[in-house]
Amino acid sequence: ISVDHDTITAAGSLAGYQFEGYRGRAKKPFTMALDYEARVRVLHDGGSLATDGHGIAFK
């Protein structure tokens, strides 16, 4: 997880994850090799934002 200005980003990999199926409905387990990324942009209405590389604080 990283913070840059007004954006928080979480990224990673599911390489090697073995999917067993939703409630056991898969015919047989299979592995996944997926990368993922999620971003949140924080906007403020009044006040200000401050970041320290680990989080965003409202002032």
Foldseek 3Di string as FASTA:
>chain_A
DWDDAQKDKDKDWQFPPWDCDDVNPDPHIDGDTDIDMDMDGDDDDDADWDDDTPDIDGD
